PDB file of N, CA and C in Angstrom:
ATOM      1  N   MET A   1       1.000 -22.393 -12.333  1.00  0.00           N
ATOM      2  CA  MET A   1       0.429 -22.863 -10.890  1.00  0.00           C
ATOM      3  C   MET A   1       1.062 -23.959 -10.212  1.00  0.00           C
ATOM      4  N   GLY A   2       1.159 -24.721  -9.079  1.00  0.00           N
ATOM      5  CA  GLY A   2       2.490 -25.489  -9.047  1.00  0.00           C
ATOM      6  C   GLY A   2       1.151 -27.065  -7.601  1.00  0.00           C
ATOM      7  N   THR A   3       1.678 -27.728  -7.466  1.00  0.00           N
ATOM      8  CA  THR A   3       0.634 -28.241  -7.118  1.00  0.00           C
ATOM      9  C   THR A   3       1.708 -29.162  -5.473  1.00  0.00           C
ATOM     10  N   ILE A   4       1.132 -29.044  -4.536  1.00  0.00           N
ATOM     11  CA  ILE A   4       1.977 -29.382  -3.114  1.00  0.00           C
ATOM     12  C   ILE A   4       1.503 -31.283  -3.532  1.00  0.00           C
ATOM     13  N   ASN A   5       2.538 -32.140  -3.148  1.00  0.00           N
ATOM     14  CA  ASN A   5       2.605 -33.747  -3.081  1.00  0.00           C
ATOM     15  C   ASN A   5       3.565 -34.319  -2.071  1.00  0.00           C
ATOM     16  N   LYS A   6       2.909 -35.579  -1.894  1.00  0.00           N
ATOM     17  CA  LYS A   6       3.641 -36.335  -0.531  1.00  0.00           C
ATOM     18  C   LYS A   6       4.279 -37.475  -1.532  1.00  0.00           C
ATOM     19  N   GLY A   7       5.556 -37.976  -1.031  1.00  0.00           N
ATOM     20  CA  GLY A   7       6.093 -39.233  -1.437  1.00  0.00           C
ATOM     21  C   GLY A   7       7.146 -39.463  -1.089  1.00  0.00           C
ATOM     22  N   THR A   8       8.353 -40.282  -1.734  1.00  0.00           N
ATOM     23  CA  THR A   8       9.442 -40.579  -0.674  1.00  0.00           C
ATOM     24  C   THR A   8      10.672 -40.488  -1.925  1.00  0.00           C
ATOM     25  N   ILE A   9      11.905 -40.348  -1.215  1.00  0.00           N
ATOM     26  CA  ILE A   9      13.288 -39.626  -1.761  1.00  0.00           C
ATOM     27  C   ILE A   9      13.572 -41.030  -2.899  1.00  0.00           C
ATOM     28  N   ALA A  10      13.597 -40.520  -4.505  1.00  0.00           N
ATOM     29  CA  ALA A  10      14.147 -41.400  -5.122  1.00  0.00           C
ATOM     30  C   ALA A  10      15.692 -41.863  -5.428  1.00  0.00           C
ATOM     31  N   GLY A  11      15.933 -40.645  -5.473  1.00  0.00           N
ATOM     32  CA  GLY A  11      17.835 -40.250  -4.981  1.00  0.00           C
ATOM     33  C   GLY A  11      17.686 -38.452  -4.930  1.00  0.00           C
ATOM     34  N   ILE A  12      19.037 -38.684  -4.880  1.00  0.00           N
ATOM     35  CA  ILE A  12      19.514 -37.577  -4.552  1.00  0.00           C
ATOM     36  C   ILE A  12      20.802 -36.952  -5.176  1.00  0.00           C
ATOM     37  N   ASP A  13      20.683 -35.702  -5.738  1.00  0.00           N
ATOM     38  CA  ASP A  13      21.986 -35.096  -6.438  1.00  0.00           C
ATOM     39  C   ASP A  13      22.613 -33.915  -6.212  1.00  0.00           C
ATOM     40  N   GLY A  14      23.423 -33.757  -5.485  1.00  0.00           N
ATOM     41  CA  GLY A  14      23.851 -32.076  -4.905  1.00  0.00           C
ATOM     42  C   GLY A  14      22.976 -31.517  -4.413  1.00  0.00           C
ATOM     43  N   ASN A  15      21.968 -30.837  -4.940  1.00  0.00           N
ATOM     44  CA  ASN A  15      21.142 -29.818  -4.580  1.00  0.00           C
ATOM     45  C   ASN A  15      20.070 -30.172  -4.435  1.00  0.00           C
ATOM     46  N   THR A  16      19.795 -30.949  -4.857  1.00  0.00           N
ATOM     47  CA  THR A  16      18.304 -31.868  -5.564  1.00  0.00           C
ATOM     48  C   THR A  16      17.736 -32.939  -5.541  1.00  0.00           C
ATOM     49  N   ALA A  17      16.943 -33.030  -6.078  1.00  0.00           N
ATOM     50  CA  ALA A  17      16.222 -34.400  -5.449  1.00  0.00           C
ATOM     51  C   ALA A  17      15.199 -35.045  -6.293  1.00  0.00           C
ATOM     52  N   ARG A  18      14.904 -36.116  -6.366  1.00  0.00           N
ATOM     53  CA  ARG A  18      13.978 -36.923  -7.337  1.00  0.00           C
ATOM     54  C   ARG A  18      12.938 -36.926  -6.541  1.00  0.00           C
ATOM     55  N   VAL A  19      11.831 -37.183  -6.656  1.00  0.00           N
ATOM     56  CA  VAL A  19      10.505 -37.768  -6.040  1.00  0.00           C
ATOM     57  C   VAL A  19       9.869 -38.545  -5.843  1.00  0.00           C
ATOM     58  N   THR A  20       9.179 -39.842  -5.494  1.00  0.00           N
ATOM     59  CA  THR A  20       8.356 -40.808  -6.411  1.00  0.00           C
ATOM     60  C   THR A  20       7.619 -40.294  -6.111  1.00  0.00           C
ATOM     61  N   PRO A  21       5.964 -40.049  -6.819  1.00  0.00           N
ATOM     62  CA  PRO A  21       5.136 -39.226  -5.903  1.00  0.00           C
ATOM     63  C   PRO A  21       4.073 -40.516  -4.860  1.00  0.00           C
ATOM     64  N   SER A  22       3.611 -40.529  -4.045  1.00  0.00           N
ATOM     65  CA  SER A  22       2.907 -41.656  -3.305  1.00  0.00           C
ATOM     66  C   SER A  22       1.392 -42.252  -4.363  1.00  0.00           C
ATOM     67  N   ASP A  23       1.031 -41.557  -4.720  1.00  0.00           N
ATOM     68  CA  ASP A  23       0.218 -41.608  -5.800  1.00  0.00           C
ATOM     69  C   ASP A  23       0.289 -43.497  -6.706  1.00  0.00           C
ATOM     70  N   ALA A  24       0.101 -44.178  -6.465  1.00  0.00           N
ATOM     71  CA  ALA A  24      -0.021 -45.249  -6.579  1.00  0.00           C
ATOM     72  C   ALA A  24      -0.055 -45.074  -8.857  1.00  0.00           C
ATOM     73  N   GLY A  25       1.107 -45.525  -9.653  1.00  0.00           N
ATOM     74  CA  GLY A  25       1.737 -45.543 -10.576  1.00  0.00           C
ATOM     75  C   GLY A  25       2.428 -44.291 -11.096  1.00  0.00           C
ATOM     76  N   GLY A  26       2.803 -43.529  -9.853  1.00  0.00           N
ATOM     77  CA  GLY A  26       3.632 -42.102 -10.259  1.00  0.00           C
ATOM     78  C   GLY A  26       4.975 -42.562 -10.142  1.00  0.00           C
ATOM     79  N   LYS A  27       5.271 -41.559 -11.875  1.00  0.00           N
ATOM     80  CA  LYS A  27       6.821 -41.283 -11.996  1.00  0.00           C
ATOM     81  C   LYS A  27       7.451 -40.334 -11.207  1.00  0.00           C
ATOM     82  N   PRO A  28       8.697 -40.500 -11.166  1.00  0.00           N
ATOM     83  CA  PRO A  28       9.181 -39.820 -10.457  1.00  0.00           C
ATOM     84  C   PRO A  28      10.014 -38.658 -10.697  1.00  0.00           C
ATOM     85  N   THR A  29       9.811 -37.710 -10.569  1.00  0.00           N
ATOM     86  CA  THR A  29       9.496 -36.167 -10.845  1.00  0.00           C
ATOM     87  C   THR A  29      10.952 -35.989 -11.441  1.00  0.00           C
ATOM     88  N   ALA A  30      11.326 -34.608 -11.762  1.00  0.00           N
ATOM     89  CA  ALA A  30      12.436 -34.404 -12.403  1.00  0.00           C
ATOM     90  C   ALA A  30      13.499 -33.850 -11.357  1.00  0.00           C
ATOM     91  N   LYS A  31      14.213 -33.225 -11.575  1.00  0.00           N
ATOM     92  CA  LYS A  31      15.600 -32.904 -10.698  1.00  0.00           C
ATOM     93  C   LYS A  31      14.513 -31.740  -9.955  1.00  0.00           C
ATOM     94  N   ILE A  32      14.401 -31.948  -8.387  1.00  0.00           N
ATOM     95  CA  ILE A  32      13.606 -30.676  -7.700  1.00  0.00           C
ATOM     96  C   ILE A  32      14.552 -30.023  -6.408  1.00  0.00           C
ATOM     97  N   THR A  33      14.535 -29.216  -6.433  1.00  0.00           N
ATOM     98  CA  THR A  33      15.033 -28.294  -5.309  1.00  0.00           C
ATOM     99  C   THR A  33      15.389 -28.413  -4.154  1.00  0.00           C
ATOM    100  N   ILE A  34      16.307 -29.172  -3.377  1.00  0.00           N
ATOM    101  CA  ILE A  34      16.484 -29.076  -1.722  1.00  0.00           C
ATOM    102  C   ILE A  34      16.795 -27.603  -1.500  1.00  0.00           C
ATOM    103  N   PRO A  35      16.236 -26.722  -0.656  1.00  0.00           N
ATOM    104  CA  PRO A  35      16.534 -25.829  -0.059  1.00  0.00           C
ATOM    105  C   PRO A  35      17.638 -25.526   0.953  1.00  0.00           C
ATOM    106  N   TRP A  36      18.273 -25.163   1.259  1.00  0.00           N
ATOM    107  CA  TRP A  36      19.820 -24.608   2.352  1.00  0.00           C
ATOM    108  C   TRP A  36      18.960 -25.158   3.907  1.00  0.00           C
ATOM    109  N   HIS A  37      18.215 -25.051   3.971  1.00  0.00           N
ATOM    110  CA  HIS A  37      18.171 -25.756   5.609  1.00  0.00           C
ATOM    111  C   HIS A  37      17.556 -27.303   4.881  1.00  0.00           C
ATOM    112  N   LEU A  38      17.261 -27.515   4.801  1.00  0.00           N
ATOM    113  CA  LEU A  38      17.117 -29.170   4.594  1.00  0.00           C
ATOM    114  C   LEU A  38      18.324 -29.764   3.572  1.00  0.00           C
ATOM    115  N   ARG A  39      19.650 -29.585   3.358  1.00  0.00           N
ATOM    116  CA  ARG A  39      20.667 -30.335   2.797  1.00  0.00           C
ATOM    117  C   ARG A  39      21.750 -30.596   4.131  1.00  0.00           C
ATOM    118  N   GLY A  40      21.633 -31.842   3.641  1.00  0.00           N
ATOM    119  CA  GLY A  40      23.155 -32.258   4.378  1.00  0.00           C
ATOM    120  C   GLY A  40      23.014 -33.143   5.672  1.00  0.00           C
ATOM    121  N   ASP A  41      23.304 -32.963   6.678  1.00  0.00           N
ATOM    122  CA  ASP A  41      22.866 -33.504   8.098  1.00  0.00           C
ATOM    123  C   ASP A  41      21.556 -32.570   8.709  1.00  0.00           C
ATOM    124  N   THR A  42      21.323 -31.555   8.553  1.00  0.00           N
ATOM    125  CA  THR A  42      20.353 -30.806   8.584  1.00  0.00           C
ATOM    126  C   THR A  42      18.816 -30.921   8.327  1.00  0.00           C
ATOM    127  N   GLY A  43      19.007 -31.568   7.296  1.00  0.00           N
ATOM    128  CA  GLY A  43      17.592 -32.613   6.791  1.00  0.00           C
ATOM    129  C   GLY A  43      17.746 -34.054   6.830  1.00  0.00           C
ATOM    130  N   ASN A  44      18.558 -34.487   6.694  1.00  0.00           N
ATOM    131  CA  ASN A  44      19.405 -36.040   7.080  1.00  0.00           C
ATOM    132  C   ASN A  44      18.338 -36.535   6.021  1.00  0.00           C
ATOM    133  N   LEU A  45      18.605 -36.353   4.749  1.00  0.00           N
ATOM    134  CA  LEU A  45      17.462 -36.272   3.830  1.00  0.00           C
ATOM    135  C   LEU A  45      18.298 -38.378   3.067  1.00  0.00           C
ATOM    136  N   SER A  46      17.669 -38.909   2.771  1.00  0.00           N
ATOM    137  CA  SER A  46      17.886 -39.923   1.736  1.00  0.00           C
ATOM    138  C   SER A  46      17.617 -41.044   1.286  1.00  0.00           C
ATOM    139  N   LYS A  47      17.505 -41.648   0.145  1.00  0.00           N
ATOM    140  CA  LYS A  47      16.569 -42.458  -0.638  1.00  0.00           C
ATOM    141  C   LYS A  47      15.608 -42.689   0.162  1.00  0.00           C
ATOM    142  N   GLY A  48      13.708 -43.036   0.220  1.00  0.00           N
ATOM    143  CA  GLY A  48      13.181 -43.608   0.983  1.00  0.00           C
ATOM    144  C   GLY A  48      12.325 -42.335   1.870  1.00  0.00           C
ATOM    145  N   THR A  49      12.758 -41.390   2.318  1.00  0.00           N
ATOM    146  CA  THR A  49      12.933 -40.525   2.868  1.00  0.00           C
ATOM    147  C   THR A  49      11.459 -39.341   2.391  1.00  0.00           C
ATOM    148  N   SER A  50      10.366 -40.293   3.835  1.00  0.00           N
ATOM    149  CA  SER A  50       9.028 -39.159   3.357  1.00  0.00           C
ATOM    150  C   SER A  50       9.124 -37.538   3.161  1.00  0.00           C
ATOM    151  N   VAL A  51       8.795 -37.401   1.748  1.00  0.00           N
ATOM    152  CA  VAL A  51       9.034 -35.784   1.768  1.00  0.00           C
ATOM    153  C   VAL A  51       7.807 -35.512   1.413  1.00  0.00           C
ATOM    154  N   VAL A  52       7.256 -34.098   1.105  1.00  0.00           N
ATOM    155  CA  VAL A  52       6.187 -33.452   1.186  1.00  0.00           C
ATOM    156  C   VAL A  52       7.187 -31.894   0.068  1.00  0.00           C
ATOM    157  N   TYR A  53       6.161 -31.726  -1.092  1.00  0.00           N
ATOM    158  CA  TYR A  53       6.951 -31.243  -2.438  1.00  0.00           C
ATOM    159  C   TYR A  53       6.503 -30.099  -2.963  1.00  0.00           C
ATOM    160  N   VAL A  54       6.622 -29.166  -3.715  1.00  0.00           N
ATOM    161  CA  VAL A  54       5.311 -28.360  -4.648  1.00  0.00           C
ATOM    162  C   VAL A  54       6.167 -29.069  -5.805  1.00  0.00           C
ATOM    163  N   GLU A  55       5.309 -29.039  -6.768  1.00  0.00           N
ATOM    164  CA  GLU A  55       5.794 -29.807  -8.752  1.00  0.00           C
ATOM    165  C   GLU A  55       4.896 -28.827  -9.503  1.00  0.00           C
ATOM    166  N   PHE A  56       6.017 -27.434 -10.021  1.00  0.00           N
ATOM    167  CA  PHE A  56       5.623 -26.694 -10.721  1.00  0.00           C
ATOM    168  C   PHE A  56       4.411 -27.165 -12.394  1.00  0.00           C
ATOM    169  N   ASP A  57       4.606 -25.901 -13.259  1.00  0.00           N
ATOM    170  CA  ASP A  57       3.433 -26.923 -14.628  1.00  0.00           C
ATOM    171  C   ASP A  57       4.290 -26.744 -14.725  1.00  0.00           C
ATOM    172  N   ASP A  58       6.252 -26.228 -15.155  1.00  0.00           N
ATOM    173  CA  ASP A  58       7.406 -26.116 -15.967  1.00  0.00           C
ATOM    174  C   ASP A  58       7.685 -27.404 -15.337  1.00  0.00           C
ATOM    175  N   ALA A  59       7.712 -28.337 -14.701  1.00  0.00           N
ATOM    176  CA  ALA A  59       8.535 -29.155 -14.143  1.00  0.00           C
ATOM    177  C   ALA A  59       9.059 -29.287 -13.465  1.00  0.00           C
ATOM    178  N   THR A  60       9.875 -27.688 -12.332  1.00  0.00           N
ATOM    179  CA  THR A  60      10.690 -27.791 -11.449  1.00  0.00           C
ATOM    180  C   THR A  60       9.449 -27.528 -10.218  1.00  0.00           C
ATOM    181  N   GLY A  61      10.210 -28.002  -8.712  1.00  0.00           N
ATOM    182  CA  GLY A  61      10.315 -27.751  -8.033  1.00  0.00           C
ATOM    183  C   GLY A  61      10.838 -27.107  -6.648  1.00  0.00           C
ATOM    184  N   LEU A  62      10.130 -27.523  -5.580  1.00  0.00           N
ATOM    185  CA  LEU A  62      10.734 -27.161  -4.543  1.00  0.00           C
ATOM    186  C   LEU A  62      10.344 -28.637  -3.253  1.00  0.00           C
ATOM    187  N   LEU A  63      11.475 -28.488  -2.111  1.00  0.00           N
ATOM    188  CA  LEU A  63      11.691 -30.061  -1.096  1.00  0.00           C
ATOM    189  C   LEU A  63      10.713 -28.765  -0.023  1.00  0.00           C
ATOM    190  N   LEU A  64       9.808 -28.845   0.488  1.00  0.00           N
ATOM    191  CA  LEU A  64       9.337 -28.203   1.783  1.00  0.00           C
ATOM    192  C   LEU A  64       9.366 -28.859   2.741  1.00  0.00           C
ATOM    193  N   GLY A  65       9.797 -30.273   2.992  1.00  0.00           N
ATOM    194  CA  GLY A  65       9.908 -30.558   4.148  1.00  0.00           C
ATOM    195  C   GLY A  65       9.772 -32.317   4.340  1.00  0.00           C
ATOM    196  N   ARG A  66      10.202 -32.561   5.322  1.00  0.00           N
ATOM    197  CA  ARG A  66      10.541 -34.105   5.580  1.00  0.00           C
ATOM    198  C   ARG A  66       8.639 -34.974   5.680  1.00  0.00           C
ATOM    199  N   ALA A  67       7.806 -35.510   5.632  1.00  0.00           N
ATOM    200  CA  ALA A  67       7.019 -35.495   6.576  1.00  0.00           C
ATOM    201  C   ALA A  67       6.345 -36.058   7.972  1.00  0.00           C
ATOM    202  N   ASP A  68       7.268 -36.806   8.054  1.00  0.00           N
ATOM    203  CA  ASP A  68       7.841 -37.073   9.541  1.00  0.00           C
ATOM    204  C   ASP A  68       8.053 -36.123  10.522  1.00  0.00           C
ATOM    205  N   GLY A  69       8.341 -34.737   9.979  1.00  0.00           N
ATOM    206  CA  GLY A  69       8.574 -33.767  10.877  1.00  0.00           C
ATOM    207  C   GLY A  69       9.779 -33.594  11.656  1.00  0.00           C
ATOM    208  N   ASN A  70      10.629 -34.997  11.187  1.00  0.00           N
ATOM    209  CA  ASN A  70      11.855 -34.163  11.739  1.00  0.00           C
ATOM    210  C   ASN A  70      13.158 -34.404  11.207  1.00  0.00           C
ATOM    211  N   TRP A  71      13.656 -33.979  11.489  1.00  0.00           N
ATOM    212  CA  TRP A  71      15.150 -33.012  10.926  1.00  0.00           C
ATOM    213  C   TRP A  71      16.869 -34.197  11.548  1.00  0.00           C
ATOM    214  N   GLY A  72      18.275 -33.300  11.218  1.00  0.00           N
ATOM    215  CA  GLY A  72      18.897 -34.474  11.745  1.00  0.00           C
ATOM    216  C   GLY A  72      19.142 -33.782  12.775  1.00  0.00           C
ATOM    217  N   ALA A  73      21.263 -33.392  13.167  1.00  0.00           N
ATOM    218  CA  ALA A  73      21.287 -33.398  14.432  1.00  0.00           C
ATOM    219  C   ALA A  73      21.398 -31.790  15.053  1.00  0.00           C
ATOM    220  N   TYR A  74      21.617 -31.380  14.250  1.00  0.00           N
ATOM    221  CA  TYR A  74      21.012 -29.653  14.195  1.00  0.00           C
ATOM    222  C   TYR A  74      20.381 -28.411  13.295  1.00  0.00           C
ATOM    223  N   LEU A  75      20.342 -27.625  14.259  1.00  0.00           N
ATOM    224  CA  LEU A  75      19.670 -26.877  12.751  1.00  0.00           C
ATOM    225  C   LEU A  75      20.940 -25.712  12.990  1.00  0.00           C
ATOM    226  N   PRO A  76      20.405 -25.457  11.312  1.00  0.00           N
ATOM    227  CA  PRO A  76      21.612 -24.452  10.885  1.00  0.00           C
ATOM    228  C   PRO A  76      21.418 -22.840  10.882  1.00  0.00           C
ATOM    229  N   THR A  77      22.482 -22.004  11.507  1.00  0.00           N
ATOM    230  CA  THR A  77      22.497 -20.589  11.177  1.00  0.00           C
ATOM    231  C   THR A  77      23.140 -19.643  10.293  1.00  0.00           C
ATOM    232  N   LEU A  78      22.902 -19.425  10.226  1.00  0.00           N
ATOM    233  CA  LEU A  78      23.390 -17.973   9.476  1.00  0.00           C
ATOM    234  C   LEU A  78      24.536 -17.103  10.285  1.00  0.00           C
ATOM    235  N   SER A  79      25.646 -16.954   9.631  1.00  0.00           N
ATOM    236  CA  SER A  79      26.518 -15.541  10.033  1.00  0.00           C
ATOM    237  C   SER A  79      27.361 -14.319   9.132  1.00  0.00           C
ATOM    238  N   ALA A  80      27.131 -13.944   9.806  1.00  0.00           N
ATOM    239  CA  ALA A  80      26.996 -12.783   8.793  1.00  0.00           C
ATOM    240  C   ALA A  80      28.782 -12.717   8.999  1.00  0.00           C
ATOM    241  N   GLY A  81      29.237 -12.602   9.992  1.00  0.00           N
ATOM    242  CA  GLY A  81      31.158 -12.657  10.046  1.00  0.00           C
ATOM    243  C   GLY A  81      31.568 -11.628  11.300  1.00  0.00           C
ATOM    244  N   THR A  82      32.341 -11.278  11.397  1.00  0.00           N
ATOM    245  CA  THR A  82      33.387 -10.816  12.264  1.00  0.00           C
ATOM    246  C   THR A  82      32.735  -9.300  11.613  1.00  0.00           C
ATOM    247  N   VAL A  83      33.178  -8.079  12.412  1.00  0.00           N
ATOM    248  CA  VAL A  83      33.358  -6.467  12.307  1.00  0.00           C
ATOM    249  C   VAL A  83      34.471  -6.946  13.256  1.00  0.00           C
ATOM    250  N   THR A  84      36.289  -6.348  12.593  1.00  0.00           N
ATOM    251  CA  THR A  84      36.597  -5.806  14.031  1.00  0.00           C
ATOM    252  C   THR A  84      37.089  -4.364  13.147  1.00  0.00           C
ATOM    253  N   ALA A  85      36.836  -3.022  14.131  1.00  0.00           N
ATOM    254  CA  ALA A  85      37.355  -2.272  13.939  1.00  0.00           C
ATOM    255  C   ALA A  85      38.623  -1.216  14.767  1.00  0.00           C
ATOM    256  N   SER A  86      39.976  -0.941  13.278  1.00  0.00           N
ATOM    257  CA  SER A  86      41.094  -0.237  14.520  1.00  0.00           C
ATOM    258  C   SER A  86      41.068   0.257  15.335  1.00  0.00           C
ATOM    259  N   SER A  87      39.230   1.117  14.717  1.00  0.00           N
ATOM    260  CA  SER A  87      39.547   3.079  15.586  1.00  0.00           C
ATOM    261  C   SER A  87      37.984   2.960  15.756  1.00  0.00           C
ATOM    262  N   ASP A  88      37.850   4.160  16.247  1.00  0.00           N
ATOM    263  CA  ASP A  88      36.529   4.092  16.560  1.00  0.00           C
ATOM    264  C   ASP A  88      35.356   3.965  15.559  1.00  0.00           C
ATOM    265  N   VAL A  89      34.208   3.376  16.177  1.00  0.00           N
ATOM    266  CA  VAL A  89      33.168   3.411  15.327  1.00  0.00           C
ATOM    267  C   VAL A  89      31.724   4.285  15.692  1.00  0.00           C
ATOM    268  N   LYS A  90      31.382   5.419  14.795  1.00  0.00           N
ATOM    269  CA  LYS A  90      30.135   5.704  15.044  1.00  0.00           C
ATOM    270  C   LYS A  90      28.984   5.285  14.520  1.00  0.00           C
ATOM    271  N   ALA A  91      27.588   5.568  15.161  1.00  0.00           N
ATOM    272  CA  ALA A  91      26.629   4.652  14.927  1.00  0.00           C
ATOM    273  C   ALA A  91      25.331   6.524  14.663  1.00  0.00           C
ATOM    274  N   ALA A  92      24.404   6.756  14.312  1.00  0.00           N
ATOM    275  CA  ALA A  92      23.872   7.705  14.554  1.00  0.00           C
ATOM    276  C   ALA A  92      24.872   8.810  15.158  1.00  0.00           C
ATOM    277  N   GLY A  93      26.154   9.178  14.701  1.00  0.00           N
ATOM    278  CA  GLY A  93      26.821  10.230  15.516  1.00  0.00           C
ATOM    279  C   GLY A  93      27.149  10.047  16.961  1.00  0.00           C
ATOM    280  N   ILE A  94      26.917   8.410  17.504  1.00  0.00           N
ATOM    281  CA  ILE A  94      27.085   8.409  19.267  1.00  0.00           C
ATOM    282  C   ILE A  94      28.347   7.149  19.397  1.00  0.00           C
ATOM    283  N   SER A  95      29.398   7.683  19.525  1.00  0.00           N
ATOM    284  CA  SER A  95      30.886   6.748  19.408  1.00  0.00           C
ATOM    285  C   SER A  95      30.681   5.925  20.199  1.00  0.00           C
ATOM    286  N   LEU A  96      31.278   4.592  19.640  1.00  0.00           N
ATOM    287  CA  LEU A  96      31.476   3.127  20.722  1.00  0.00           C
ATOM    288  C   LEU A  96      32.525   3.460  21.237  1.00  0.00           C
ATOM    289  N   LYS A  97      33.810   3.873  20.551  1.00  0.00           N
ATOM    290  CA  LYS A  97      35.016   3.697  21.996  1.00  0.00           C
ATOM    291  C   LYS A  97      34.534   5.303  23.037  1.00  0.00           C
ATOM    292  N   GLY A  98      33.530   6.460  23.289  1.00  0.00           N
ATOM    293  CA  GLY A  98      33.795   6.828  24.023  1.00  0.00           C
ATOM    294  C   GLY A  98      32.724   7.691  24.196  1.00  0.00           C
ATOM    295  N   HIS A  99      31.791   6.530  24.567  1.00  0.00           N
ATOM    296  CA  HIS A  99      30.253   6.647  24.840  1.00  0.00           C
ATOM    297  C   HIS A  99      29.872   6.065  26.446  1.00  0.00           C
ATOM    298  N   THR A 100      29.528   6.486  27.440  1.00  0.00           N
ATOM    299  CA  THR A 100      28.787   6.007  28.926  1.00  0.00           C
ATOM    300  C   THR A 100      27.675   5.736  28.618  1.00  0.00           C
ATOM    301  N   HIS A 101      26.614   5.379  29.886  1.00  0.00           N
ATOM    302  CA  HIS A 101      25.195   5.421  29.993  1.00  0.00           C
ATOM    303  C   HIS A 101      25.061   6.275  31.670  1.00  0.00           C
ATOM    304  N   GLY A 102      24.195   6.537  31.362  1.00  0.00           N
ATOM    305  CA  GLY A 102      23.659   7.290  32.509  1.00  0.00           C
ATOM    306  C   GLY A 102      22.834   6.226  34.019  1.00  0.00           C
ATOM    307  N   GLY A 103      22.156   6.688  34.487  1.00  0.00           N
ATOM    308  CA  GLY A 103      21.777   5.893  35.242  1.00  0.00           C
ATOM    309  C   GLY A 103      21.913   5.139  36.686  1.00  0.00           C
ATOM    310  N   VAL A 104      22.608   4.859  36.309  1.00  0.00           N
ATOM    311  CA  VAL A 104      23.460   4.252  37.569  1.00  0.00           C
ATOM    312  C   VAL A 104      24.875   5.062  37.356  1.00  0.00           C
ATOM    313  N   GLU A 105      25.142   5.438  38.751  1.00  0.00           N
ATOM    314  CA  GLU A 105      26.282   6.490  39.386  1.00  0.00           C
ATOM    315  C   GLU A 105      27.297   5.897  39.879  1.00  0.00           C
ATOM    316  N   THR A 106      28.320   6.433  39.422  1.00  0.00           N
ATOM    317  CA  THR A 106      29.320   5.777  40.772  1.00  0.00           C
ATOM    318  C   THR A 106      29.756   7.392  41.530  1.00  0.00           C
ATOM    319  N   GLY A 107      30.630   7.273  42.383  1.00  0.00           N
ATOM    320  CA  GLY A 107      30.894   8.388  42.996  1.00  0.00           C
ATOM    321  C   GLY A 107      30.542   9.732  42.525  1.00  0.00           C
ATOM    322  N   SER A 108      31.833  10.274  40.854  1.00  0.00           N
ATOM    323  CA  SER A 108      31.879  10.924  40.580  1.00  0.00           C
ATOM    324  C   SER A 108      30.639  11.615  39.951  1.00  0.00           C
ATOM    325  N   GLY A 109      29.797  10.828  39.979  1.00  0.00           N
ATOM    326  CA  GLY A 109      28.324  11.149  38.941  1.00  0.00           C
ATOM    327  C   GLY A 109      28.190  10.837  37.520  1.00  0.00           C
ATOM    328  N   SER A 110      29.307   9.414  37.623  1.00  0.00           N
ATOM    329  CA  SER A 110      29.718   8.963  35.938  1.00  0.00           C
ATOM    330  C   SER A 110      29.929   7.333  35.942  1.00  0.00           C
ATOM    331  N   THR A 111      29.491   7.020  34.217  1.00  0.00           N
ATOM    332  CA  THR A 111      29.487   5.533  34.921  1.00  0.00           C
ATOM    333  C   THR A 111      30.642   5.570  34.407  1.00  0.00           C
ATOM    334  N   GLY A 112      31.899   6.644  34.122  1.00  0.00           N
ATOM    335  CA  GLY A 112      32.700   6.172  34.237  1.00  0.00           C
ATOM    336  C   GLY A 112      33.373   5.946  32.972  1.00  0.00           C
ATOM    337  N   SER A 113      34.572   5.198  32.752  1.00  0.00           N
ATOM    338  CA  SER A 113      35.341   4.983  31.090  1.00  0.00           C
ATOM    339  C   SER A 113      33.937   3.770  30.043  1.00  0.00           C
ATOM    340  N   PRO A 114      33.763   3.477  29.093  1.00  0.00           N
ATOM    341  CA  PRO A 114      33.444   2.588  28.572  1.00  0.00           C
ATOM    342  C   PRO A 114      34.028   1.625  29.130  1.00  0.00           C
ATOM    343  N   GLN A 115      33.049   0.340  29.130  1.00  0.00           N
ATOM    344  CA  GLN A 115      33.593  -0.976  28.603  1.00  0.00           C
ATOM    345  C   GLN A 115      33.378  -1.617  28.129  1.00  0.00           C
TER     346      GLN A 115
END
């Protein structure tokens, strides 16, 4: 089982943090994981930042978020990269290079060449 707690960051080491619980006399946690979306400029975490975290019976844990609801300068994005095809690409048997759309007709009864 785990327990959700509130505390302040006592220190950051790479992708982990030690957190001092808000409870009076609480000792800092073992290193708990900072998830990717709170690392660096996105979470803007530093010593003394108030956070919410979960700590498990085996002394592992996960930082859930900033207790003040703030974040850093930007929102993180994920990218799958760029796909480049040197020839035609087909999906479900439909050619990307040669397909046209019906509906808006040109004078010849077709939308013309692919765009």
